[in-house]
Amino acid sequence: PKTNTYTNTNSFSNGYNIESSLLLFDGLSSIYRLRSSREEQQ
């Protein structure tokens, strides 16, 4: 990881990540599914 070159030495690595995603547009399918679910709730 320091030189970004190949090596034959045994190593230990540990990673930490936080990821987030947000659907911006899907043809309004999610919006209409939400409306349908609201009708089903009623």
Full PDB file with SEQRES, HELIX, SHEET, SSBOND, CRYST1, ORIGX, SCALE, CONECT and MASTER records, all heavy atoms in Angstrom:
SEQRES   1 A   42  PRO LYS THR ASN THR TYR THR ASN THR ASN SER PHE SER          
SEQRES   2 A   42  ASN GLY TYR ASN ILE GLU SER SER LEU LEU LEU PHE ASP          
SEQRES   3 A   42  GLY LEU SER SER ILE TYR ARG LEU ARG SER SER ARG GLU          
SEQRES   4 A   42  GLU GLN GLN                                                  
HELIX    1 AA1 SER A   29  GLN A   41  1                                  13    
CRYST1    1.000    1.000    1.000  90.00  90.00  90.00 P 1           1          
ORIGX1      1.000000  0.000000  0.000000        0.00000                         
ORIGX2      0.000000  1.000000  0.000000        0.00000                         
ORIGX3      0.000000  0.000000  1.000000        0.00000                         
SCALE1      1.000000  0.000000  0.000000        0.00000                         
SCALE2      0.000000  1.000000  0.000000        0.00000                         
SCALE3      0.000000  0.000000  1.000000        0.00000                         
ATOM      1  N   PRO A   1       0.803  -1.225   0.000  1.00  0.00           N  
ATOM      2  CA  PRO A   1       0.000   0.000   0.000  1.00  0.00           C  
ATOM      3  C   PRO A   1       0.830   1.266   0.000  1.00  0.00           C  
ATOM      4  O   PRO A   1       0.335   2.323  -0.380  1.00  0.00           O  
ATOM      5  CB  PRO A   1      -0.828  -0.131   1.268  1.00  0.00           C  
ATOM      6  CG  PRO A   1      -0.079  -1.069   2.134  1.00  0.00           C  
ATOM      7  CD  PRO A   1       0.620  -2.029   1.224  1.00  0.00           C  
ATOM      8  N   LYS A   2       2.072   1.195   0.418  1.00  0.00           N  
ATOM      9  CA  LYS A   2       2.910   2.391   0.435  1.00  0.00           C  
ATOM     10  C   LYS A   2       3.428   2.732  -0.955  1.00  0.00           C  
ATOM     11  O   LYS A   2       3.386   3.879  -1.392  1.00  0.00           O  
ATOM     12  CB  LYS A   2       4.071   2.200   1.402  1.00  0.00           C  
ATOM     13  CG  LYS A   2       3.658   2.070   2.861  1.00  0.00           C  
ATOM     14  CD  LYS A   2       4.880   1.920   3.744  1.00  0.00           C  
ATOM     15  CE  LYS A   2       4.479   1.807   5.217  1.00  0.00           C  
ATOM     16  NZ  LYS A   2       5.670   1.667   6.080  1.00  0.00           N  
ATOM     17  N   THR A   3       3.963   1.699  -1.651  1.00  0.00           N  
ATOM     18  CA  THR A   3       4.569   1.938  -2.971  1.00  0.00           C  
ATOM     19  C   THR A   3       3.645   1.568  -4.118  1.00  0.00           C  
ATOM     20  O   THR A   3       3.945   1.851  -5.284  1.00  0.00           O  
ATOM     21  CB  THR A   3       5.857   1.127  -3.085  1.00  0.00           C  
ATOM     22  OG1 THR A   3       5.535  -0.288  -2.963  1.00  0.00           O  
ATOM     23  CG2 THR A   3       6.838   1.503  -1.991  1.00  0.00           C  
ATOM     24  N   ASN A   4       2.539   0.886  -3.799  1.00  0.00           N  
ATOM     25  CA  ASN A   4       1.582   0.445  -4.820  1.00  0.00           C  
ATOM     26  C   ASN A   4       2.249  -0.488  -5.836  1.00  0.00           C  
ATOM     27  O   ASN A   4       1.935  -0.476  -7.017  1.00  0.00           O  
ATOM     28  CB  ASN A   4       0.951   1.642  -5.531  1.00  0.00           C  
ATOM     29  CG  ASN A   4      -0.372   1.264  -6.199  1.00  0.00           C  
ATOM     30  OD1 ASN A   4      -1.049   0.326  -5.768  1.00  0.00           O  
ATOM     31  ND2 ASN A   4      -0.722   1.969  -7.249  1.00  0.00           N  
ATOM     32  N   THR A   5       3.212  -1.286  -5.358  1.00  0.00           N  
ATOM     33  CA  THR A   5       3.897  -2.262  -6.201  1.00  0.00           C  
ATOM     34  C   THR A   5       3.672  -3.652  -5.633  1.00  0.00           C  
ATOM     35  O   THR A   5       3.288  -3.822  -4.471  1.00  0.00           O  
ATOM     36  CB  THR A   5       5.405  -1.953  -6.248  1.00  0.00           C  
ATOM     37  OG1 THR A   5       5.926  -2.021  -4.908  1.00  0.00           O  
ATOM     38  CG2 THR A   5       5.675  -0.593  -6.855  1.00  0.00           C  
ATOM     39  N   TYR A   6       3.894  -4.637  -6.488  1.00  0.00           N  
ATOM     40  CA  TYR A   6       3.692  -6.021  -6.070  1.00  0.00           C  
ATOM     41  C   TYR A   6       4.821  -6.456  -5.151  1.00  0.00           C  
ATOM     42  O   TYR A   6       5.966  -6.064  -5.295  1.00  0.00           O  
ATOM     43  CB  TYR A   6       3.642  -6.953  -7.277  1.00  0.00           C  
ATOM     44  CG  TYR A   6       2.360  -6.842  -8.065  1.00  0.00           C  
ATOM     45  CD1 TYR A   6       2.313  -6.110  -9.241  1.00  0.00           C  
ATOM     46  CD2 TYR A   6       1.197  -7.472  -7.611  1.00  0.00           C  
ATOM     47  CE1 TYR A   6       1.139  -6.000  -9.957  1.00  0.00           C  
ATOM     48  CE2 TYR A   6       0.018  -7.367  -8.326  1.00  0.00           C  
ATOM     49  CZ  TYR A   6      -0.003  -6.625  -9.496  1.00  0.00           C  
ATOM     50  OH  TYR A   6      -1.177  -6.507 -10.206  1.00  0.00           O  
ATOM     51  N   THR A   7       4.473  -7.303  -4.206  1.00  0.00           N  
ATOM     52  CA  THR A   7       5.437  -7.847  -3.261  1.00  0.00           C  
ATOM     53  C   THR A   7       5.019  -9.258  -2.891  1.00  0.00           C  
ATOM     54  O   THR A   7       3.851  -9.640  -3.045  1.00  0.00           O  
ATOM     55  CB  THR A   7       5.506  -6.983  -1.985  1.00  0.00           C  
ATOM     56  OG1 THR A   7       6.441  -7.563  -1.098  1.00  0.00           O  
ATOM     57  CG2 THR A   7       4.151  -6.893  -1.300  1.00  0.00           C  
ATOM     58  N   ASN A   8       5.973 -10.032  -2.422  1.00  0.00           N  
ATOM     59  CA  ASN A   8       5.685 -11.411  -2.017  1.00  0.00           C  
ATOM     60  C   ASN A   8       5.679 -11.585  -0.505  1.00  0.00           C  
ATOM     61  O   ASN A   8       5.723 -12.704  -0.001  1.00  0.00           O  
ATOM     62  CB  ASN A   8       6.717 -12.356  -2.634  1.00  0.00           C  
ATOM     63  CG  ASN A   8       6.540 -12.476  -4.135  1.00  0.00           C  
ATOM     64  OD1 ASN A   8       5.423 -12.499  -4.628  1.00  0.00           O  
ATOM     65  ND2 ASN A   8       7.654 -12.547  -4.866  1.00  0.00           N  
ATOM     66  N   THR A   9       5.630 -10.504   0.209  1.00  0.00           N  
ATOM     67  CA  THR A   9       5.658 -10.548   1.672  1.00  0.00           C  
ATOM     68  C   THR A   9       4.241 -10.661   2.222  1.00  0.00           C  
ATOM     69  O   THR A   9       3.322  -9.970   1.758  1.00  0.00           O  
ATOM     70  CB  THR A   9       6.342  -9.286   2.236  1.00  0.00           C  
ATOM     71  OG1 THR A   9       7.636  -9.166   1.660  1.00  0.00           O  
ATOM     72  CG2 THR A   9       6.451  -9.379   3.754  1.00  0.00           C  
ATOM     73  N   ASN A  10       4.069 -11.523   3.229  1.00  0.00           N  
ATOM     74  CA  ASN A  10       2.747 -11.649   3.861  1.00  0.00           C  
ATOM     75  C   ASN A  10       2.374 -10.352   4.566  1.00  0.00           C  
ATOM     76  O   ASN A  10       3.222  -9.716   5.204  1.00  0.00           O  
ATOM     77  CB  ASN A  10       2.746 -12.792   4.865  1.00  0.00           C  
ATOM     78  CG  ASN A  10       3.039 -14.133   4.212  1.00  0.00           C  
ATOM     79  OD1 ASN A  10       2.841 -14.294   3.005  1.00  0.00           O  
ATOM     80  ND2 ASN A  10       3.533 -15.080   5.002  1.00  0.00           N  
ATOM     81  N   SER A  11       1.092  -9.983   4.465  1.00  0.00           N  
ATOM     82  CA  SER A  11       0.659  -8.703   5.025  1.00  0.00           C  
ATOM     83  C   SER A  11      -0.732  -8.822   5.641  1.00  0.00           C  
ATOM     84  O   SER A  11      -1.494  -9.750   5.352  1.00  0.00           O  
ATOM     85  CB  SER A  11       0.645  -7.617   3.940  1.00  0.00           C  
ATOM     86  OG  SER A  11      -0.300  -7.950   2.934  1.00  0.00           O  
ATOM     87  N   PHE A  12      -1.024  -7.856   6.480  1.00  0.00           N  
ATOM     88  CA  PHE A  12      -2.348  -7.713   7.103  1.00  0.00           C  
ATOM     89  C   PHE A  12      -2.915  -6.346   6.742  1.00  0.00           C  
ATOM     90  O   PHE A  12      -2.205  -5.338   6.811  1.00  0.00           O  
ATOM     91  CB  PHE A  12      -2.245  -7.828   8.629  1.00  0.00           C  
ATOM     92  CG  PHE A  12      -3.527  -7.497   9.333  1.00  0.00           C  
ATOM     93  CD1 PHE A  12      -4.547  -8.429   9.439  1.00  0.00           C  
ATOM     94  CD2 PHE A  12      -3.727  -6.226   9.877  1.00  0.00           C  
ATOM     95  CE1 PHE A  12      -5.727  -8.123  10.094  1.00  0.00           C  
ATOM     96  CE2 PHE A  12      -4.912  -5.922  10.520  1.00  0.00           C  
ATOM     97  CZ  PHE A  12      -5.914  -6.862  10.628  1.00  0.00           C  
ATOM     98  N   SER A  13      -4.165  -6.318   6.337  1.00  0.00           N  
ATOM     99  CA  SER A  13      -4.811  -5.051   5.977  1.00  0.00           C  
ATOM    100  C   SER A  13      -6.189  -4.981   6.608  1.00  0.00           C  
ATOM    101  O   SER A  13      -6.874  -5.983   6.773  1.00  0.00           O  
ATOM    102  CB  SER A  13      -4.933  -4.903   4.457  1.00  0.00           C  
ATOM    103  OG  SER A  13      -5.706  -5.957   3.912  1.00  0.00           O  
ATOM    104  N   ASN A  14      -6.600  -3.759   6.939  1.00  0.00           N  
ATOM    105  CA  ASN A  14      -7.865  -3.513   7.627  1.00  0.00           C  
ATOM    106  C   ASN A  14      -8.468  -2.230   7.047  1.00  0.00           C  
ATOM    107  O   ASN A  14      -7.801  -1.185   7.026  1.00  0.00           O  
ATOM    108  CB  ASN A  14      -7.611  -3.371   9.120  1.00  0.00           C  
ATOM    109  CG  ASN A  14      -8.880  -3.184   9.936  1.00  0.00           C  
ATOM    110  OD1 ASN A  14      -8.843  -2.591  10.988  1.00  0.00           O  
ATOM    111  ND2 ASN A  14     -10.005  -3.680   9.459  1.00  0.00           N  
ATOM    112  N   GLY A  15      -9.744  -2.317   6.558  1.00  0.00           N  
ATOM    113  CA  GLY A  15     -10.372  -1.150   5.936  1.00  0.00           C  
ATOM    114  C   GLY A  15     -11.667  -0.757   6.622  1.00  0.00           C  
ATOM    115  O   GLY A  15     -12.372  -1.594   7.203  1.00  0.00           O  
ATOM    116  N   TYR A  16     -12.009   0.539   6.553  1.00  0.00           N  
ATOM    117  CA  TYR A  16     -13.227   1.094   7.137  1.00  0.00           C  
ATOM    118  C   TYR A  16     -13.877   2.004   6.107  1.00  0.00           C  
ATOM    119  O   TYR A  16     -13.196   2.879   5.539  1.00  0.00           O  
ATOM    120  CB  TYR A  16     -12.914   1.887   8.411  1.00  0.00           C  
ATOM    121  CG  TYR A  16     -12.226   1.062   9.472  1.00  0.00           C  
ATOM    122  CD1 TYR A  16     -10.835   0.980   9.519  1.00  0.00           C  
ATOM    123  CD2 TYR A  16     -12.970   0.368  10.415  1.00  0.00           C  
ATOM    124  CE1 TYR A  16     -10.205   0.219  10.492  1.00  0.00           C  
ATOM    125  CE2 TYR A  16     -12.344  -0.396  11.397  1.00  0.00           C  
ATOM    126  CZ  TYR A  16     -10.967  -0.464  11.422  1.00  0.00           C  
ATOM    127  OH  TYR A  16     -10.347  -1.222  12.385  1.00  0.00           O  
ATOM    128  N   ASN A  17     -15.169   1.811   5.850  1.00  0.00           N  
ATOM    129  CA  ASN A  17     -15.846   2.602   4.822  1.00  0.00           C  
ATOM    130  C   ASN A  17     -17.258   2.956   5.278  1.00  0.00           C  
ATOM    131  O   ASN A  17     -17.927   2.178   5.969  1.00  0.00           O  
ATOM    132  CB  ASN A  17     -15.935   1.825   3.514  1.00  0.00           C  
ATOM    133  CG  ASN A  17     -14.582   1.526   2.912  1.00  0.00           C  
ATOM    134  OD1 ASN A  17     -13.975   2.366   2.247  1.00  0.00           O  
ATOM    135  ND2 ASN A  17     -14.086   0.308   3.151  1.00  0.00           N  
ATOM    136  N   ILE A  18     -17.703   4.122   4.887  1.00  0.00           N  
ATOM    137  CA  ILE A  18     -19.088   4.579   5.046  1.00  0.00           C  
ATOM    138  C   ILE A  18     -19.584   4.981   3.665  1.00  0.00           C  
ATOM    139  O   ILE A  18     -18.948   5.791   2.981  1.00  0.00           O  
ATOM    140  CB  ILE A  18     -19.193   5.761   6.023  1.00  0.00           C  
ATOM    141  CG1 ILE A  18     -18.743   5.338   7.427  1.00  0.00           C  
ATOM    142  CG2 ILE A  18     -20.624   6.273   6.076  1.00  0.00           C  
ATOM    143  CD1 ILE A  18     -18.769   6.467   8.430  1.00  0.00           C  
ATOM    144  N   GLU A  19     -20.705   4.414   3.249  1.00  0.00           N  
ATOM    145  CA  GLU A  19     -21.244   4.661   1.908  1.00  0.00           C  
ATOM    146  C   GLU A  19     -22.702   5.091   1.997  1.00  0.00           C  
ATOM    147  O   GLU A  19     -23.438   4.646   2.885  1.00  0.00           O  
ATOM    148  CB  GLU A  19     -21.136   3.406   1.044  1.00  0.00           C  
ATOM    149  CG  GLU A  19     -19.713   2.931   0.828  1.00  0.00           C  
ATOM    150  CD  GLU A  19     -19.643   1.635   0.051  1.00  0.00           C  
ATOM    151  OE1 GLU A  19     -20.689   0.954  -0.095  1.00  0.00           O  
ATOM    152  OE2 GLU A  19     -18.543   1.295  -0.414  1.00  0.00           O  
ATOM    153  N   SER A  20     -23.100   5.929   1.068  1.00  0.00           N  
ATOM    154  CA  SER A  20     -24.480   6.410   0.993  1.00  0.00           C  
ATOM    155  C   SER A  20     -24.886   6.532  -0.473  1.00  0.00           C  
ATOM    156  O   SER A  20     -24.050   6.856  -1.327  1.00  0.00           O  
ATOM    157  CB  SER A  20     -24.634   7.765   1.698  1.00  0.00           C  
ATOM    158  OG  SER A  20     -25.957   8.240   1.583  1.00  0.00           O  
ATOM    159  N   SER A  21     -26.157   6.254  -0.733  1.00  0.00           N  
ATOM    160  CA  SER A  21     -26.681   6.383  -2.093  1.00  0.00           C  
ATOM    161  C   SER A  21     -28.095   6.936  -2.033  1.00  0.00           C  
ATOM    162  O   SER A  21     -28.837   6.682  -1.063  1.00  0.00           O  
ATOM    163  CB  SER A  21     -26.672   5.039  -2.819  1.00  0.00           C  
ATOM    164  OG  SER A  21     -27.534   4.117  -2.185  1.00  0.00           O  
ATOM    165  N   LEU A  22     -28.467   7.683  -3.056  1.00  0.00           N  
ATOM    166  CA  LEU A  22     -29.782   8.304  -3.134  1.00  0.00           C  
ATOM    167  C   LEU A  22     -30.281   8.208  -4.564  1.00  0.00           C  
ATOM    168  O   LEU A  22     -29.590   8.631  -5.500  1.00  0.00           O  
ATOM    169  CB  LEU A  22     -29.719   9.770  -2.694  1.00  0.00           C  
ATOM    170  CG  LEU A  22     -31.015  10.581  -2.838  1.00  0.00           C  
ATOM    171  CD1 LEU A  22     -32.104   9.991  -1.945  1.00  0.00           C  
ATOM    172  CD2 LEU A  22     -30.778  12.047  -2.505  1.00  0.00           C  
ATOM    173  N   LEU A  23     -31.486   7.637  -4.698  1.00  0.00           N  
ATOM    174  CA  LEU A  23     -32.098   7.536  -6.021  1.00  0.00           C  
ATOM    175  C   LEU A  23     -32.691   8.886  -6.399  1.00  0.00           C  
ATOM    176  O   LEU A  23     -33.598   9.389  -5.739  1.00  0.00           O  
ATOM    177  CB  LEU A  23     -33.191   6.464  -6.005  1.00  0.00           C  
ATOM    178  CG  LEU A  23     -33.926   6.233  -7.315  1.00  0.00           C  
ATOM    179  CD1 LEU A  23     -32.982   5.718  -8.399  1.00  0.00           C  
ATOM    180  CD2 LEU A  23     -35.095   5.264  -7.109  1.00  0.00           C  
ATOM    181  N   LEU A  24     -32.155   9.466  -7.476  1.00  0.00           N  
ATOM    182  CA  LEU A  24     -32.627  10.778  -7.913  1.00  0.00           C  
ATOM    183  C   LEU A  24     -33.782  10.681  -8.901  1.00  0.00           C  
ATOM    184  O   LEU A  24     -34.695  11.498  -8.861  1.00  0.00           O  
ATOM    185  CB  LEU A  24     -31.464  11.557  -8.544  1.00  0.00           C  
ATOM    186  CG  LEU A  24     -30.282  11.866  -7.612  1.00  0.00           C  
ATOM    187  CD1 LEU A  24     -29.202  12.619  -8.383  1.00  0.00           C  
ATOM    188  CD2 LEU A  24     -30.732  12.657  -6.400  1.00  0.00           C  
ATOM    189  N   PHE A  25     -33.740   9.687  -9.775  1.00  0.00           N  
ATOM    190  CA  PHE A  25     -34.780   9.597 -10.800  1.00  0.00           C  
ATOM    191  C   PHE A  25     -34.883   8.150 -11.281  1.00  0.00           C  
ATOM    192  O   PHE A  25     -33.873   7.494 -11.534  1.00  0.00           O  
ATOM    193  CB  PHE A  25     -34.446  10.513 -11.986  1.00  0.00           C  
ATOM    194  CG  PHE A  25     -35.469  10.461 -13.096  1.00  0.00           C  
ATOM    195  CD1 PHE A  25     -36.672  11.119 -12.966  1.00  0.00           C  
ATOM    196  CD2 PHE A  25     -35.224   9.732 -14.252  1.00  0.00           C  
ATOM    197  CE1 PHE A  25     -37.627  11.061 -13.976  1.00  0.00           C  
ATOM    198  CE2 PHE A  25     -36.175   9.682 -15.269  1.00  0.00           C  
ATOM    199  CZ  PHE A  25     -37.373  10.354 -15.128  1.00  0.00           C  
ATOM    200  N   ASP A  26     -36.121   7.642 -11.339  1.00  0.00           N  
ATOM    201  CA  ASP A  26     -36.367   6.306 -11.899  1.00  0.00           C  
ATOM    202  C   ASP A  26     -37.649   6.277 -12.715  1.00  0.00           C  
ATOM    203  O   ASP A  26     -38.381   5.286 -12.725  1.00  0.00           O  
ATOM    204  CB  ASP A  26     -36.441   5.271 -10.782  1.00  0.00           C  
ATOM    205  CG  ASP A  26     -37.602   5.505  -9.831  1.00  0.00           C  
ATOM    206  OD1 ASP A  26     -38.191   6.601  -9.870  1.00  0.00           O  
ATOM    207  OD2 ASP A  26     -37.919   4.593  -9.043  1.00  0.00           O  
ATOM    208  N   GLY A  27     -37.897   7.405 -13.410  1.00  0.00           N  
ATOM    209  CA  GLY A  27     -39.131   7.490 -14.186  1.00  0.00           C  
ATOM    210  C   GLY A  27     -40.364   7.664 -13.325  1.00  0.00           C  
ATOM    211  O   GLY A  27     -41.470   7.332 -13.761  1.00  0.00           O  
ATOM    212  N   LEU A  28     -40.190   8.137 -12.084  1.00  0.00           N  
ATOM    213  CA  LEU A  28     -41.276   8.348 -11.104  1.00  0.00           C  
ATOM    214  C   LEU A  28     -41.923   7.041 -10.654  1.00  0.00           C  
ATOM    215  O   LEU A  28     -43.009   7.067 -10.051  1.00  0.00           O  
ATOM    216  CB  LEU A  28     -42.357   9.287 -11.680  1.00  0.00           C  
ATOM    217  CG  LEU A  28     -41.886  10.683 -12.102  1.00  0.00           C  
ATOM    218  CD1 LEU A  28     -43.073  11.488 -12.633  1.00  0.00           C  
ATOM    219  CD2 LEU A  28     -41.218  11.405 -10.949  1.00  0.00           C  
ATOM    220  N   SER A  29     -41.258   5.912 -10.910  1.00  0.00           N  
ATOM    221  CA  SER A  29     -41.834   4.630 -10.476  1.00  0.00           C  
ATOM    222  C   SER A  29     -41.985   4.579  -8.961  1.00  0.00           C  
ATOM    223  O   SER A  29     -43.011   4.121  -8.428  1.00  0.00           O  
ATOM    224  CB  SER A  29     -40.953   3.475 -10.949  1.00  0.00           C  
ATOM    225  OG  SER A  29     -40.996   3.352 -12.350  1.00  0.00           O  
ATOM    226  N   SER A  30     -40.979   5.040  -8.238  1.00  0.00           N  
ATOM    227  CA  SER A  30     -41.048   5.000  -6.771  1.00  0.00           C  
ATOM    228  C   SER A  30     -42.135   5.920  -6.233  1.00  0.00           C  
ATOM    229  O   SER A  30     -42.811   5.601  -5.245  1.00  0.00           O  
ATOM    230  CB  SER A  30     -39.690   5.397  -6.179  1.00  0.00           C  
ATOM    231  OG  SER A  30     -38.687   4.492  -6.569  1.00  0.00           O  
ATOM    232  N   ILE A  31     -42.315   7.061  -6.894  1.00  0.00           N  
ATOM    233  CA  ILE A  31     -43.364   8.002  -6.461  1.00  0.00           C  
ATOM    234  C   ILE A  31     -44.736   7.358  -6.605  1.00  0.00           C  
ATOM    235  O   ILE A  31     -45.586   7.422  -5.694  1.00  0.00           O  
ATOM    236  CB  ILE A  31     -43.281   9.308  -7.270  1.00  0.00           C  
ATOM    237  CG1 ILE A  31     -41.941  10.015  -7.017  1.00  0.00           C  
ATOM    238  CG2 ILE A  31     -44.443  10.231  -6.906  1.00  0.00           C  
ATOM    239  CD1 ILE A  31     -41.734  10.473  -5.606  1.00  0.00           C  
ATOM    240  N   TYR A  32     -44.972   6.713  -7.745  1.00  0.00           N  
ATOM    241  CA  TYR A  32     -46.282   6.095  -7.968  1.00  0.00           C  
ATOM    242  C   TYR A  32     -46.485   4.865  -7.082  1.00  0.00           C  
ATOM    243  O   TYR A  32     -47.612   4.581  -6.667  1.00  0.00           O  
ATOM    244  CB  TYR A  32     -46.440   5.730  -9.436  1.00  0.00           C  
ATOM    245  CG  TYR A  32     -46.652   6.936 -10.329  1.00  0.00           C  
ATOM    246  CD1 TYR A  32     -45.782   7.207 -11.384  1.00  0.00           C  
ATOM    247  CD2 TYR A  32     -47.712   7.801 -10.117  1.00  0.00           C  
ATOM    248  CE1 TYR A  32     -45.975   8.319 -12.209  1.00  0.00           C  
ATOM    249  CE2 TYR A  32     -47.910   8.913 -10.928  1.00  0.00           C  
ATOM    250  CZ  TYR A  32     -47.032   9.163 -11.966  1.00  0.00           C  
ATOM    251  OH  TYR A  32     -47.225  10.266 -12.772  1.00  0.00           O  
ATOM    252  N   ARG A  33     -45.396   4.146  -6.810  1.00  0.00           N  
ATOM    253  CA  ARG A  33     -45.525   3.030  -5.861  1.00  0.00           C  
ATOM    254  C   ARG A  33     -45.861   3.540  -4.466  1.00  0.00           C  
ATOM    255  O   ARG A  33     -46.617   2.918  -3.726  1.00  0.00           O  
ATOM    256  CB  ARG A  33     -44.232   2.213  -5.836  1.00  0.00           C  
ATOM    257  CG  ARG A  33     -44.069   1.259  -7.005  1.00  0.00           C  
ATOM    258  CD  ARG A  33     -42.997   0.223  -6.719  1.00  0.00           C  
ATOM    259  NE  ARG A  33     -41.682   0.827  -6.532  1.00  0.00           N  
ATOM    260  CZ  ARG A  33     -40.808   1.031  -7.497  1.00  0.00           C  
ATOM    261  NH1 ARG A  33     -41.104   0.703  -8.752  1.00  0.00           N  
ATOM    262  NH2 ARG A  33     -39.627   1.576  -7.249  1.00  0.00           N  
ATOM    263  N   LEU A  34     -45.297   4.686  -4.115  1.00  0.00           N  
ATOM    264  CA  LEU A  34     -45.642   5.292  -2.824  1.00  0.00           C  
ATOM    265  C   LEU A  34     -47.114   5.666  -2.772  1.00  0.00           C  
ATOM    266  O   LEU A  34     -47.796   5.414  -1.770  1.00  0.00           O  
ATOM    267  CB  LEU A  34     -44.766   6.528  -2.596  1.00  0.00           C  
ATOM    268  CG  LEU A  34     -45.101   7.387  -1.372  1.00  0.00           C  
ATOM    269  CD1 LEU A  34     -44.906   6.587  -0.091  1.00  0.00           C  
ATOM    270  CD2 LEU A  34     -44.250   8.649  -1.349  1.00  0.00           C  
ATOM    271  N   ARG A  35     -47.602   6.247  -3.837  1.00  0.00           N  
ATOM    272  CA  ARG A  35     -49.021   6.617  -3.871  1.00  0.00           C  
ATOM    273  C   ARG A  35     -49.914   5.381  -3.818  1.00  0.00           C  
ATOM    274  O   ARG A  35     -50.956   5.385  -3.132  1.00  0.00           O  
ATOM    275  CB  ARG A  35     -49.309   7.436  -5.129  1.00  0.00           C  
ATOM    276  CG  ARG A  35     -48.621   8.800  -5.151  1.00  0.00           C  
ATOM    277  CD  ARG A  35     -48.936   9.551  -6.432  1.00  0.00           C  
ATOM    278  NE  ARG A  35     -48.294  10.873  -6.452  1.00  0.00           N  
ATOM    279  CZ  ARG A  35     -48.373  11.720  -7.473  1.00  0.00           C  
ATOM    280  NH1 ARG A  35     -49.070  11.380  -8.554  1.00  0.00           N  
ATOM    281  NH2 ARG A  35     -47.769  12.907  -7.400  1.00  0.00           N  
ATOM    282  N   SER A  36     -49.514   4.340  -4.525  1.00  0.00           N  
ATOM    283  CA  SER A  36     -50.299   3.103  -4.479  1.00  0.00           C  
ATOM    284  C   SER A  36     -50.300   2.511  -3.072  1.00  0.00           C  
ATOM    285  O   SER A  36     -51.342   2.036  -2.584  1.00  0.00           O  
ATOM    286  CB  SER A  36     -49.724   2.093  -5.471  1.00  0.00           C  
ATOM    287  OG  SER A  36     -50.403   0.858  -5.396  1.00  0.00           O  
ATOM    288  N   SER A  37     -49.151   2.542  -2.397  1.00  0.00           N  
ATOM    289  CA  SER A  37     -49.085   2.025  -1.026  1.00  0.00           C  
ATOM    290  C   SER A  37     -49.937   2.858  -0.081  1.00  0.00           C  
ATOM    291  O   SER A  37     -50.534   2.322   0.861  1.00  0.00           O  
ATOM    292  CB  SER A  37     -47.636   2.006  -0.543  1.00  0.00           C  
ATOM    293  OG  SER A  37     -46.842   1.173  -1.354  1.00  0.00           O  
ATOM    294  N   ARG A  38     -50.004   4.158  -0.335  1.00  0.00           N  
ATOM    295  CA  ARG A  38     -50.851   5.006   0.503  1.00  0.00           C  
ATOM    296  C   ARG A  38     -52.322   4.637   0.324  1.00  0.00           C  
ATOM    297  O   ARG A  38     -53.093   4.607   1.298  1.00  0.00           O  
ATOM    298  CB  ARG A  38     -50.619   6.472   0.140  1.00  0.00           C  
ATOM    299  CG  ARG A  38     -51.412   7.458   0.992  1.00  0.00           C  
ATOM    300  CD  ARG A  38     -51.059   8.880   0.611  1.00  0.00           C  
ATOM    301  NE  ARG A  38     -51.316   9.125  -0.809  1.00  0.00           N  
ATOM    302  CZ  ARG A  38     -50.915  10.197  -1.479  1.00  0.00           C  
ATOM    303  NH1 ARG A  38     -50.205  11.123  -0.854  1.00  0.00           N  
ATOM    304  NH2 ARG A  38     -51.191  10.336  -2.751  1.00  0.00           N  
ATOM    305  N   GLU A  39     -52.727   4.349  -0.921  1.00  0.00           N  
ATOM    306  CA  GLU A  39     -54.108   3.916  -1.151  1.00  0.00           C  
ATOM    307  C   GLU A  39     -54.358   2.572  -0.483  1.00  0.00           C  
ATOM    308  O   GLU A  39     -55.432   2.347   0.096  1.00  0.00           O  
ATOM    309  CB  GLU A  39     -54.382   3.813  -2.654  1.00  0.00           C  
ATOM    310  CG  GLU A  39     -54.064   5.066  -3.457  1.00  0.00           C  
ATOM    311  CD  GLU A  39     -54.899   6.258  -3.070  1.00  0.00           C  
ATOM    312  OE1 GLU A  39     -55.898   6.075  -2.361  1.00  0.00           O  
ATOM    313  OE2 GLU A  39     -54.565   7.386  -3.483  1.00  0.00           O  
ATOM    314  N   GLU A  40     -53.367   1.671  -0.543  1.00  0.00           N  
ATOM    315  CA  GLU A  40     -53.534   0.368   0.098  1.00  0.00           C  
ATOM    316  C   GLU A  40     -53.640   0.510   1.611  1.00  0.00           C  
ATOM    317  O   GLU A  40     -54.363  -0.256   2.261  1.00  0.00           O  
ATOM    318  CB  GLU A  40     -52.346  -0.534  -0.259  1.00  0.00           C  
ATOM    319  CG  GLU A  40     -52.269  -0.928  -1.730  1.00  0.00           C  
ATOM    320  CD  GLU A  40     -53.432  -1.793  -2.157  1.00  0.00           C  
ATOM    321  OE1 GLU A  40     -53.989  -2.516  -1.300  1.00  0.00           O  
ATOM    322  OE2 GLU A  40     -53.798  -1.750  -3.351  1.00  0.00           O  
ATOM    323  N   GLN A  41     -52.941   1.478   2.172  1.00  0.00           N  
ATOM    324  CA  GLN A  41     -53.069   1.719   3.606  1.00  0.00           C  
ATOM    325  C   GLN A  41     -54.488   2.154   3.953  1.00  0.00           C  
ATOM    326  O   GLN A  41     -55.079   1.669   4.932  1.00  0.00           O  
ATOM    327  CB  GLN A  41     -52.066   2.780   4.042  1.00  0.00           C  
ATOM    328  CG  GLN A  41     -52.113   3.080   5.536  1.00  0.00           C  
ATOM    329  CD  GLN A  41     -51.294   4.305   5.912  1.00  0.00           C  
ATOM    330  OE1 GLN A  41     -51.185   5.241   5.131  1.00  0.00           O  
ATOM    331  NE2 GLN A  41     -50.718   4.306   7.107  1.00  0.00           N  
ATOM    332  N   GLN A  42     -55.056   3.035   3.152  1.00  0.00           N  
ATOM    333  CA  GLN A  42     -56.432   3.461   3.389  1.00  0.00           C  
ATOM    334  C   GLN A  42     -57.417   2.318   3.149  1.00  0.00           C  
ATOM    335  O   GLN A  42     -58.431   2.208   3.843  1.00  0.00           O  
ATOM    336  CB  GLN A  42     -56.758   4.655   2.493  1.00  0.00           C  
ATOM    337  CG  GLN A  42     -55.924   5.897   2.804  1.00  0.00           C  
ATOM    338  CD  GLN A  42     -56.283   7.065   1.906  1.00  0.00           C  
ATOM    339  OE1 GLN A  42     -57.238   7.011   1.160  1.00  0.00           O  
ATOM    340  NE2 GLN A  42     -55.488   8.121   1.978  1.00  0.00           N  
TER     341      GLN A  42                                                      
MASTER        0    0    0    1    0    0    0    6  340    1    0    4          
END                                                                             
